[in-house]
Amino acid sequence: SRAYSTPFSALVSALHRASLALFSPAHLLITEFGRRIHAKAAFAASRVHAVKRSGGRRLAVAGVGADMFVRTAYQPRHWPLSLLHLPAPVPAPSPALAPPPP
């Protein structure tokens, strides 16, 4: 997994430099880091419908993506995804569909 580019301590230092008054006992400072905290805690599963090549890359056509990975679609360098391919198990042939013995 990728490390965060800016540690939380650096963000606190930047806030401290920007407004020392925020850190006085008269204030309660609450931040919301949103995606920074939960972005790596996601799971999506889909069947791959097709695989094709374009621009020297292999692309998977899957049932997820258009609405789930918008940031990655527009800015892939800034919003990369970590993907894991798990091949589906090949089912054993059903005895009812097996060819008749010779």
Protein backbone atom coordinates (compact mmCIF):
# COMPACT_ATOMS: atom_id res chain seq x y z
CA SER A 1 0.00 0.00 0.00
CA ARG A 2 1.13 3.51 -0.74
CA ALA A 3 2.29 5.68 2.13
CA TYR A 4 0.56 9.00 2.55
CA SER A 5 2.53 11.79 0.93
CA THR A 6 2.10 14.15 3.92
CA PRO A 7 2.10 12.80 7.48
CA PHE A 8 -0.59 14.03 9.86
CA SER A 9 2.08 15.73 12.03
CA ALA A 10 3.03 17.94 9.07
CA LEU A 11 -0.61 18.89 8.56
CA VAL A 12 -0.94 19.84 12.24
CA SER A 13 2.25 21.91 11.97
CA ALA A 14 0.86 23.73 8.92
CA LEU A 15 -2.37 24.50 10.78
CA HIS A 16 -0.36 25.69 13.79
CA ARG A 17 1.73 28.03 11.62
CA ALA A 18 -1.35 29.35 9.81
CA SER A 19 -3.32 30.15 12.93
CA LEU A 20 -1.73 29.82 16.35
CA ALA A 21 -5.03 30.96 17.90
CA LEU A 22 -6.68 27.71 16.82
CA PHE A 23 -4.54 25.86 19.35
CA SER A 24 -5.50 27.97 22.36
CA PRO A 25 -7.53 26.43 25.21
CA ALA A 26 -10.43 28.68 24.18
CA HIS A 27 -10.95 26.65 20.99
CA LEU A 28 -11.62 23.02 20.20
CA LEU A 29 -10.03 22.16 16.85
CA ILE A 30 -11.71 19.36 14.91
CA THR A 31 -10.56 18.42 11.44
CA GLU A 32 -12.14 16.08 8.94
CA PHE A 33 -9.68 14.27 6.72
CA GLY A 34 -12.40 12.26 4.99
CA ARG A 35 -10.96 10.32 2.09
CA ARG A 36 -7.48 10.47 3.58
CA ILE A 37 -8.59 8.19 6.39
CA HIS A 38 -11.02 5.81 4.75
CA ALA A 39 -9.91 5.71 1.11
CA LYS A 40 -7.94 2.52 1.55
CA ALA A 41 -10.80 0.78 3.36
CA ALA A 42 -12.91 -0.14 0.36
CA PHE A 43 -13.83 -3.32 -1.43
CA ALA A 44 -15.52 -3.80 -4.78
CA ALA A 45 -16.13 -7.02 -6.66
CA SER A 46 -17.14 -7.52 -10.27
CA ARG A 47 -16.97 -9.96 -13.09
CA VAL A 48 -14.63 -9.06 -15.92
CA HIS A 49 -16.66 -9.12 -19.12
CA ALA A 50 -13.77 -8.65 -21.54
CA VAL A 51 -10.08 -7.78 -21.67
CA LYS A 52 -8.66 -5.64 -24.45
CA ARG A 53 -5.44 -3.81 -25.31
CA SER A 54 -5.25 -0.08 -25.92
CA GLY A 55 -2.21 2.19 -25.93
CA GLY A 56 0.03 -0.68 -24.86
CA ARG A 57 -2.06 -1.36 -21.75
CA ARG A 58 -4.42 -4.20 -20.90
CA LEU A 59 -7.88 -2.91 -19.97
CA ALA A 60 -10.61 -4.85 -18.25
CA VAL A 61 -14.23 -4.19 -19.05
CA ALA A 62 -16.06 -4.80 -15.78
CA GLY A 63 -19.40 -4.08 -14.18
CA VAL A 64 -17.97 -1.49 -11.76
CA GLY A 65 -16.02 1.65 -12.43
CA ALA A 66 -18.03 4.32 -14.19
CA ASP A 67 -19.56 5.67 -11.03
CA MET A 68 -17.15 4.27 -8.43
CA PHE A 69 -13.79 5.36 -9.80
CA VAL A 70 -14.47 8.81 -11.23
CA ARG A 71 -11.39 10.41 -9.62
CA THR A 72 -9.17 7.67 -11.03
CA ALA A 73 -10.72 8.01 -14.49
CA TYR A 74 -9.94 11.73 -14.67
CA GLN A 75 -6.67 11.86 -12.69
CA PRO A 76 -5.12 8.37 -12.56
CA ARG A 77 -1.73 9.64 -11.35
CA HIS A 78 -3.31 11.34 -8.35
CA TRP A 79 -5.91 8.66 -7.52
CA PRO A 80 -4.31 5.29 -8.30
CA LEU A 81 -6.08 2.03 -7.53
CA SER A 82 -4.63 -1.19 -6.19
CA LEU A 83 -6.29 -4.10 -7.94
CA LEU A 84 -6.15 -7.82 -7.29
CA HIS A 85 -7.24 -10.32 -9.90
CA LEU A 86 -8.73 -13.50 -8.48
CA PRO A 87 -9.57 -15.96 -11.25
CA ALA A 88 -12.94 -17.65 -10.88
CA PRO A 89 -12.75 -21.37 -10.16
CA VAL A 90 -13.59 -23.56 -13.12
CA PRO A 91 -16.63 -25.66 -12.18
CA ALA A 92 -16.53 -29.41 -12.70
CA PRO A 93 -18.73 -30.56 -15.58
CA SER A 94 -22.20 -31.60 -14.53
CA PRO A 95 -22.84 -35.36 -15.00
CA ALA A 96 -26.09 -34.46 -16.80
CA LEU A 97 -24.12 -32.44 -19.37
CA ALA A 98 -21.24 -34.91 -19.78
CA PRO A 99 -20.96 -36.57 -23.18
CA PRO A 100 -22.21 -40.12 -23.34
CA PRO A 101 -19.55 -42.83 -22.95
CA PRO A 102 -18.19 -44.25 -26.25
